[in-house]
Amino acid sequence: MNLNMMPLGLLAPGEKALIAEVRTRPGATARETDDESAGRLEELGLRIGKEVEMLSRGSGPLLLRVDESRIALARGLAMNIWVWR
């Protein structure tokens, strides 16, 4: 594992990162993603190479900025999206 890679869900508010890998099932590799979940994330703009910014990590869903959109994402799903800081 690259030392600069980490789950999206661990970014601090205000921190930006690039999406490196999407694992839609716990423990899955990038090749083993659930196609339906991966497709939905891509529709939201969460795809490899895209810059994201953590806006809020409260007790509920995480709030992210992708392009000019704000997206609420379940914490568990965010932990399966790996980013480069």
N, C-alpha and C. Protein backbone atom coordinates (compact mmCIF):
# COMPACT_ATOMS: atom_id res chain seq x y z
N MET A 1 0.85 -1.18 0.00
CA MET A 1 0.00 0.00 0.00
C MET A 1 0.88 1.23 0.00
N ASN A 2 0.52 2.21 -0.82
CA ASN A 2 1.23 3.48 -0.86
C ASN A 2 1.04 4.20 0.47
N LEU A 3 2.12 4.71 1.06
CA LEU A 3 2.03 5.37 2.36
C LEU A 3 1.21 6.64 2.33
N ASN A 4 1.02 7.26 1.16
CA ASN A 4 0.24 8.47 1.05
C ASN A 4 -1.24 8.20 0.81
N MET A 5 -1.60 6.93 0.61
CA MET A 5 -2.99 6.58 0.38
C MET A 5 -3.69 6.33 1.71
N MET A 6 -4.96 6.73 1.76
CA MET A 6 -5.76 6.53 2.97
C MET A 6 -7.24 6.53 2.58
N PRO A 7 -8.11 6.00 3.46
CA PRO A 7 -9.54 6.05 3.16
C PRO A 7 -10.06 7.49 3.16
N LEU A 8 -10.94 7.80 2.25
CA LEU A 8 -11.55 9.12 2.16
C LEU A 8 -12.18 9.53 3.49
N GLY A 9 -12.77 8.59 4.20
CA GLY A 9 -13.45 8.88 5.46
C GLY A 9 -12.55 9.40 6.56
N LEU A 10 -11.24 9.32 6.39
CA LEU A 10 -10.30 9.80 7.41
C LEU A 10 -9.76 11.20 7.14
N LEU A 11 -10.15 11.82 6.02
CA LEU A 11 -9.71 13.19 5.76
C LEU A 11 -10.29 14.13 6.81
N ALA A 12 -9.52 15.15 7.14
CA ALA A 12 -9.98 16.18 8.07
C ALA A 12 -10.80 17.21 7.31
N PRO A 13 -11.73 17.90 7.97
CA PRO A 13 -12.47 18.97 7.29
C PRO A 13 -11.50 20.00 6.69
N GLY A 14 -11.78 20.37 5.44
CA GLY A 14 -10.94 21.31 4.72
C GLY A 14 -9.83 20.66 3.93
N GLU A 15 -9.58 19.38 4.16
CA GLU A 15 -8.51 18.66 3.47
C GLU A 15 -8.99 18.21 2.08
N LYS A 16 -8.09 18.30 1.09
CA LYS A 16 -8.39 17.87 -0.27
C LYS A 16 -7.53 16.67 -0.63
N ALA A 17 -8.04 15.83 -1.53
CA ALA A 17 -7.31 14.64 -1.96
C ALA A 17 -7.82 14.21 -3.33
N LEU A 18 -7.04 13.33 -3.98
CA LEU A 18 -7.43 12.74 -5.26
C LEU A 18 -7.87 11.30 -5.04
N ILE A 19 -8.96 10.91 -5.68
CA ILE A 19 -9.43 9.53 -5.56
C ILE A 19 -8.48 8.61 -6.30
N ALA A 20 -7.98 7.60 -5.60
CA ALA A 20 -7.01 6.65 -6.16
C ALA A 20 -7.66 5.31 -6.50
N GLU A 21 -8.63 4.89 -5.69
CA GLU A 21 -9.20 3.56 -5.85
C GLU A 21 -10.57 3.53 -5.18
N VAL A 22 -11.50 2.79 -5.76
CA VAL A 22 -12.83 2.65 -5.19
C VAL A 22 -13.08 1.16 -4.93
N ARG A 23 -13.34 0.85 -3.68
CA ARG A 23 -13.65 -0.54 -3.28
C ARG A 23 -15.06 -0.51 -2.70
N THR A 24 -16.03 -1.02 -3.45
CA THR A 24 -17.42 -0.91 -3.00
C THR A 24 -17.86 -2.06 -2.11
N ARG A 25 -16.96 -3.01 -1.90
CA ARG A 25 -17.22 -4.08 -0.92
C ARG A 25 -16.03 -4.12 0.02
N PRO A 26 -16.27 -4.28 1.31
CA PRO A 26 -15.14 -4.35 2.25
C PRO A 26 -14.13 -5.41 1.84
N GLY A 27 -12.87 -5.04 1.78
CA GLY A 27 -11.80 -5.96 1.44
C GLY A 27 -11.64 -6.23 -0.04
N ALA A 28 -12.52 -5.65 -0.87
CA ALA A 28 -12.43 -5.89 -2.31
C ALA A 28 -11.29 -5.07 -2.90
N THR A 29 -10.76 -5.56 -4.00
CA THR A 29 -9.78 -4.78 -4.74
C THR A 29 -10.52 -3.95 -5.77
N ALA A 30 -9.82 -3.08 -6.46
CA ALA A 30 -10.46 -2.23 -7.47
C ALA A 30 -11.14 -3.07 -8.54
N ARG A 31 -10.61 -4.24 -8.86
CA ARG A 31 -11.20 -5.10 -9.90
C ARG A 31 -12.44 -5.84 -9.41
N GLU A 32 -12.64 -5.89 -8.10
CA GLU A 32 -13.75 -6.67 -7.55
C GLU A 32 -14.89 -5.79 -7.07
N THR A 33 -15.02 -4.59 -7.59
CA THR A 33 -16.07 -3.69 -7.12
C THR A 33 -17.44 -4.17 -7.57
N ASP A 34 -18.43 -3.81 -6.81
CA ASP A 34 -19.83 -4.06 -7.15
C ASP A 34 -20.19 -3.06 -8.25
N ASP A 35 -20.51 -3.53 -9.44
CA ASP A 35 -20.74 -2.65 -10.59
C ASP A 35 -21.83 -1.62 -10.35
N GLU A 36 -22.91 -2.00 -9.67
CA GLU A 36 -24.02 -1.08 -9.42
C GLU A 36 -23.57 0.05 -8.50
N SER A 37 -22.89 -0.28 -7.41
CA SER A 37 -22.40 0.74 -6.48
C SER A 37 -21.35 1.62 -7.14
N ALA A 38 -20.45 1.02 -7.88
CA ALA A 38 -19.41 1.79 -8.57
C ALA A 38 -20.04 2.75 -9.57
N GLY A 39 -21.06 2.31 -10.26
CA GLY A 39 -21.76 3.17 -11.22
C GLY A 39 -22.43 4.34 -10.54
N ARG A 40 -23.04 4.10 -9.40
CA ARG A 40 -23.71 5.18 -8.65
C ARG A 40 -22.69 6.20 -8.16
N LEU A 41 -21.55 5.73 -7.65
CA LEU A 41 -20.51 6.65 -7.20
C LEU A 41 -19.99 7.49 -8.36
N GLU A 42 -19.84 6.87 -9.52
CA GLU A 42 -19.37 7.61 -10.69
C GLU A 42 -20.38 8.67 -11.10
N GLU A 43 -21.67 8.36 -11.00
CA GLU A 43 -22.71 9.36 -11.30
C GLU A 43 -22.61 10.57 -10.38
N LEU A 44 -22.18 10.34 -9.15
CA LEU A 44 -22.00 11.42 -8.18
C LEU A 44 -20.71 12.20 -8.41
N GLY A 45 -19.88 11.73 -9.34
CA GLY A 45 -18.62 12.39 -9.61
C GLY A 45 -17.45 11.81 -8.84
N LEU A 46 -17.69 10.74 -8.09
CA LEU A 46 -16.63 10.11 -7.29
C LEU A 46 -15.96 9.02 -8.13
N ARG A 47 -14.96 9.45 -8.91
CA ARG A 47 -14.25 8.50 -9.79
C ARG A 47 -12.76 8.70 -9.63
N ILE A 48 -11.99 7.72 -10.03
CA ILE A 48 -10.54 7.77 -9.92
C ILE A 48 -10.00 9.01 -10.63
N GLY A 49 -9.10 9.70 -9.92
CA GLY A 49 -8.47 10.90 -10.46
C GLY A 49 -9.18 12.19 -10.11
N LYS A 50 -10.37 12.10 -9.55
CA LYS A 50 -11.16 13.30 -9.22
C LYS A 50 -10.72 13.86 -7.87
N GLU A 51 -10.62 15.19 -7.78
CA GLU A 51 -10.29 15.83 -6.50
C GLU A 51 -11.55 15.98 -5.67
N VAL A 52 -11.45 15.67 -4.38
CA VAL A 52 -12.56 15.84 -3.44
C VAL A 52 -12.06 16.65 -2.25
N GLU A 53 -12.99 17.33 -1.61
CA GLU A 53 -12.67 18.07 -0.39
C GLU A 53 -13.64 17.65 0.71
N MET A 54 -13.10 17.35 1.88
CA MET A 54 -13.94 17.01 3.03
C MET A 54 -14.47 18.32 3.61
N LEU A 55 -15.78 18.46 3.66
CA LEU A 55 -16.38 19.65 4.23
C LEU A 55 -16.77 19.45 5.68
N SER A 56 -17.30 18.26 6.01
CA SER A 56 -17.76 18.01 7.37
C SER A 56 -17.70 16.52 7.69
N ARG A 57 -17.30 16.21 8.92
CA ARG A 57 -17.26 14.81 9.39
C ARG A 57 -18.06 14.68 10.68
N GLY A 58 -19.26 15.18 10.71
CA GLY A 58 -20.09 15.10 11.91
C GLY A 58 -20.47 13.67 12.24
N SER A 59 -21.50 13.52 13.06
CA SER A 59 -21.91 12.19 13.50
C SER A 59 -22.72 11.44 12.44
N GLY A 60 -23.24 12.14 11.45
CA GLY A 60 -24.01 11.50 10.38
C GLY A 60 -23.15 11.27 9.15
N PRO A 61 -23.76 11.38 7.98
CA PRO A 61 -23.00 11.22 6.75
C PRO A 61 -21.92 12.29 6.61
N LEU A 62 -20.88 11.96 5.84
CA LEU A 62 -19.83 12.92 5.56
C LEU A 62 -20.31 13.86 4.47
N LEU A 63 -19.86 15.11 4.52
CA LEU A 63 -20.22 16.07 3.49
C LEU A 63 -18.95 16.39 2.69
N LEU A 64 -19.02 16.14 1.38
CA LEU A 64 -17.87 16.32 0.48
C LEU A 64 -18.19 17.34 -0.59
N ARG A 65 -17.14 17.97 -1.10
CA ARG A 65 -17.28 18.81 -2.29
C ARG A 65 -16.57 18.08 -3.43
N VAL A 66 -17.30 17.92 -4.54
CA VAL A 66 -16.75 17.35 -5.76
C VAL A 66 -17.14 18.31 -6.87
N ASP A 67 -16.15 18.90 -7.53
CA ASP A 67 -16.40 19.96 -8.51
C ASP A 67 -17.16 21.08 -7.78
N GLU A 68 -18.33 21.43 -8.27
CA GLU A 68 -19.12 22.49 -7.63
C GLU A 68 -20.29 21.92 -6.82
N SER A 69 -20.30 20.60 -6.63
CA SER A 69 -21.40 19.94 -5.91
C SER A 69 -21.00 19.56 -4.50
N ARG A 70 -21.99 19.54 -3.63
CA ARG A 70 -21.82 19.00 -2.28
C ARG A 70 -22.54 17.66 -2.23
N ILE A 71 -21.84 16.66 -1.68
CA ILE A 71 -22.38 15.31 -1.66
C ILE A 71 -22.33 14.77 -0.24
N ALA A 72 -23.44 14.21 0.23
CA ALA A 72 -23.46 13.51 1.52
C ALA A 72 -23.18 12.04 1.22
N LEU A 73 -22.22 11.46 1.97
CA LEU A 73 -21.81 10.08 1.73
C LEU A 73 -21.73 9.33 3.04
N ALA A 74 -22.28 8.12 3.07
CA ALA A 74 -22.22 7.29 4.28
C ALA A 74 -20.76 7.04 4.65
N ARG A 75 -20.48 7.12 5.93
CA ARG A 75 -19.12 6.94 6.45
C ARG A 75 -18.53 5.60 6.04
N GLY A 76 -19.29 4.53 6.10
CA GLY A 76 -18.80 3.20 5.73
C GLY A 76 -18.37 3.13 4.28
N LEU A 77 -19.14 3.77 3.41
CA LEU A 77 -18.78 3.78 1.99
C LEU A 77 -17.53 4.63 1.77
N ALA A 78 -17.43 5.74 2.48
CA ALA A 78 -16.25 6.62 2.36
C ALA A 78 -14.98 5.91 2.79
N MET A 79 -15.09 4.94 3.68
CA MET A 79 -13.91 4.20 4.13
C MET A 79 -13.42 3.22 3.07
N ASN A 80 -14.22 2.98 2.03
CA ASN A 80 -13.82 2.08 0.94
C ASN A 80 -13.39 2.84 -0.31
N ILE A 81 -13.30 4.16 -0.20
CA ILE A 81 -12.77 4.99 -1.28
C ILE A 81 -11.40 5.47 -0.83
N TRP A 82 -10.36 5.05 -1.53
CA TRP A 82 -8.98 5.38 -1.14
C TRP A 82 -8.50 6.58 -1.91
N VAL A 83 -7.84 7.48 -1.21
CA VAL A 83 -7.40 8.74 -1.81
C VAL A 83 -5.92 8.97 -1.59
N TRP A 84 -5.31 9.83 -2.43
CA TRP A 84 -3.96 10.33 -2.23
C TRP A 84 -4.08 11.73 -1.66
N ARG A 85 -3.38 11.97 -0.57
CA ARG A 85 -3.39 13.33 0.01
C ARG A 85 -2.34 14.18 -0.65
